[in-house]
């Protein structure tokens, strides 16, 4: 079962949000990941992550970092790779995630 990350853009409140404009979805050997984005004028304005990984925190963390970033492969990859410092025990998963995101956005 995929669990939602609590990340919401500022001002989103607690009411149900409309559907996202972009969806990236992948199944890895360690779990599935869905990243939902709203993109306006080339920048991510809202992001939410879902995963069924046994350790969801490092895989849901990119959603918070991506709000405000340009929707470009190299920028998204850099933001995900920067999380290795916060979650060194998940380095392999985060690098795999960042490579997948970069490839999916290109």
Protein backbone atom coordinates (compact mmCIF):
# COMPACT_ATOMS: atom_id res chain seq x y z
CA UNK A 1 0.00 0.00 0.00
CA UNK A 2 1.35 3.43 -0.92
CA UNK A 3 1.30 5.95 1.88
CA UNK A 4 0.94 9.69 1.27
CA UNK A 5 3.60 12.10 2.39
CA UNK A 6 2.23 14.95 4.51
CA UNK A 7 4.02 17.54 2.33
CA UNK A 8 1.76 20.29 1.02
CA UNK A 9 2.56 23.60 -0.58
CA UNK A 10 1.91 26.65 1.56
CA UNK A 11 -1.71 27.68 1.60
CA UNK A 12 -3.05 24.31 0.51
CA UNK A 13 -5.04 23.88 3.73
CA UNK A 14 -6.57 20.62 4.79
CA UNK A 15 -9.32 20.33 2.18
CA UNK A 16 -9.00 17.90 -0.70
CA UNK A 17 -6.60 19.19 -3.32
CA UNK A 18 -7.27 19.03 -7.05
CA UNK A 19 -5.45 16.49 -9.18
CA UNK A 20 -1.77 17.08 -9.91
CA UNK A 21 -0.59 18.01 -13.40
CA UNK A 22 2.39 15.58 -13.51
CA UNK A 23 2.86 12.03 -12.24
CA UNK A 24 6.05 9.95 -12.11
CA UNK A 25 5.54 6.33 -11.06
CA UNK A 26 8.10 3.51 -10.73
CA UNK A 27 8.51 0.18 -8.98
CA UNK A 28 11.99 -0.52 -7.59
CA UNK A 29 13.23 -3.72 -5.90
CA UNK A 30 12.93 -1.92 -2.52
CA UNK A 31 9.44 -0.48 -3.13
CA UNK A 32 7.19 1.60 -5.33
CA UNK A 33 7.36 5.38 -5.62
CA UNK A 34 4.87 7.87 -7.02
CA UNK A 35 5.76 11.55 -7.28
CA UNK A 36 2.98 14.01 -8.06
CA UNK A 37 3.78 17.57 -9.18
CA UNK A 38 2.08 20.76 -10.22
CA UNK A 39 4.28 22.77 -12.55
CA UNK A 40 3.67 26.40 -13.45
CA UNK A 41 5.99 28.46 -15.67
CA UNK A 42 8.65 25.75 -15.43
CA UNK A 43 8.71 25.59 -11.61
CA UNK A 44 7.24 23.02 -9.24
CA UNK A 45 4.50 24.67 -7.19
CA UNK A 46 3.21 21.61 -5.34
CA UNK A 47 4.60 18.11 -4.78
CA UNK A 48 3.54 14.98 -2.95
CA UNK A 49 5.24 11.58 -2.67
CA UNK A 50 3.83 8.12 -2.02
CA UNK A 51 5.81 4.95 -1.31
CA UNK A 52 5.28 1.46 0.04
CA UNK A 53 8.92 1.15 1.10
CA UNK A 54 9.59 -0.13 4.62
CA UNK A 55 11.59 3.07 5.25
CA UNK A 56 9.49 5.83 3.64
CA UNK A 57 11.10 8.98 5.11
CA UNK A 58 14.06 9.31 2.70
CA UNK A 59 11.87 8.50 -0.29
CA UNK A 60 9.14 10.97 0.66
CA UNK A 61 11.63 13.73 1.57
CA UNK A 62 12.27 14.88 -2.03
CA UNK A 63 8.72 16.24 -2.29
CA UNK A 64 9.45 18.99 0.25
CA UNK A 65 12.75 19.90 -1.45
CA UNK A 66 11.29 20.07 -4.95
CA UNK A 67 8.66 22.77 -4.33
CA UNK A 68 10.01 25.96 -5.91
CA UNK A 69 12.60 24.17 -8.06
CA UNK A 70 12.77 24.30 -11.82
CA UNK A 71 11.17 21.27 -13.47
CA UNK A 72 14.44 20.23 -15.13
CA UNK A 73 16.13 16.85 -14.93
CA UNK A 74 19.47 18.06 -13.56
CA UNK A 75 17.84 20.24 -10.88
CA UNK A 76 15.56 17.44 -9.67
CA UNK A 77 18.48 15.00 -9.65
CA UNK A 78 20.64 17.41 -7.59
CA UNK A 79 17.88 17.91 -5.03
CA UNK A 80 17.41 14.15 -4.57
CA UNK A 81 21.14 13.47 -4.35
CA UNK A 82 21.48 16.19 -1.70
CA UNK A 83 19.34 14.01 0.59
CA UNK A 84 22.15 11.44 0.89
CA UNK A 85 23.70 13.66 3.57
CA UNK A 86 20.47 13.46 5.61
CA UNK A 87 19.90 9.74 4.97
CA UNK A 88 23.34 8.14 4.38
CA UNK A 89 22.02 4.64 5.13
CA UNK A 90 19.68 5.00 2.09
CA UNK A 91 22.37 6.25 -0.31
CA UNK A 92 21.82 3.48 -2.87
CA UNK A 93 18.03 3.99 -2.93
CA UNK A 94 18.32 7.78 -3.18
CA UNK A 95 20.83 7.57 -6.04
CA UNK A 96 18.58 5.12 -7.86
CA UNK A 97 15.61 7.43 -7.24
CA UNK A 98 17.48 10.52 -8.46
CA UNK A 99 18.66 8.77 -11.65
CA UNK A 100 15.11 7.58 -12.35
CA UNK A 101 13.65 11.07 -11.83
CA UNK A 102 16.23 12.64 -14.14
CA UNK A 103 15.53 10.05 -16.84
CA UNK A 104 11.76 10.38 -16.51
CA UNK A 105 11.82 14.18 -16.83
CA UNK A 106 14.19 14.37 -19.83
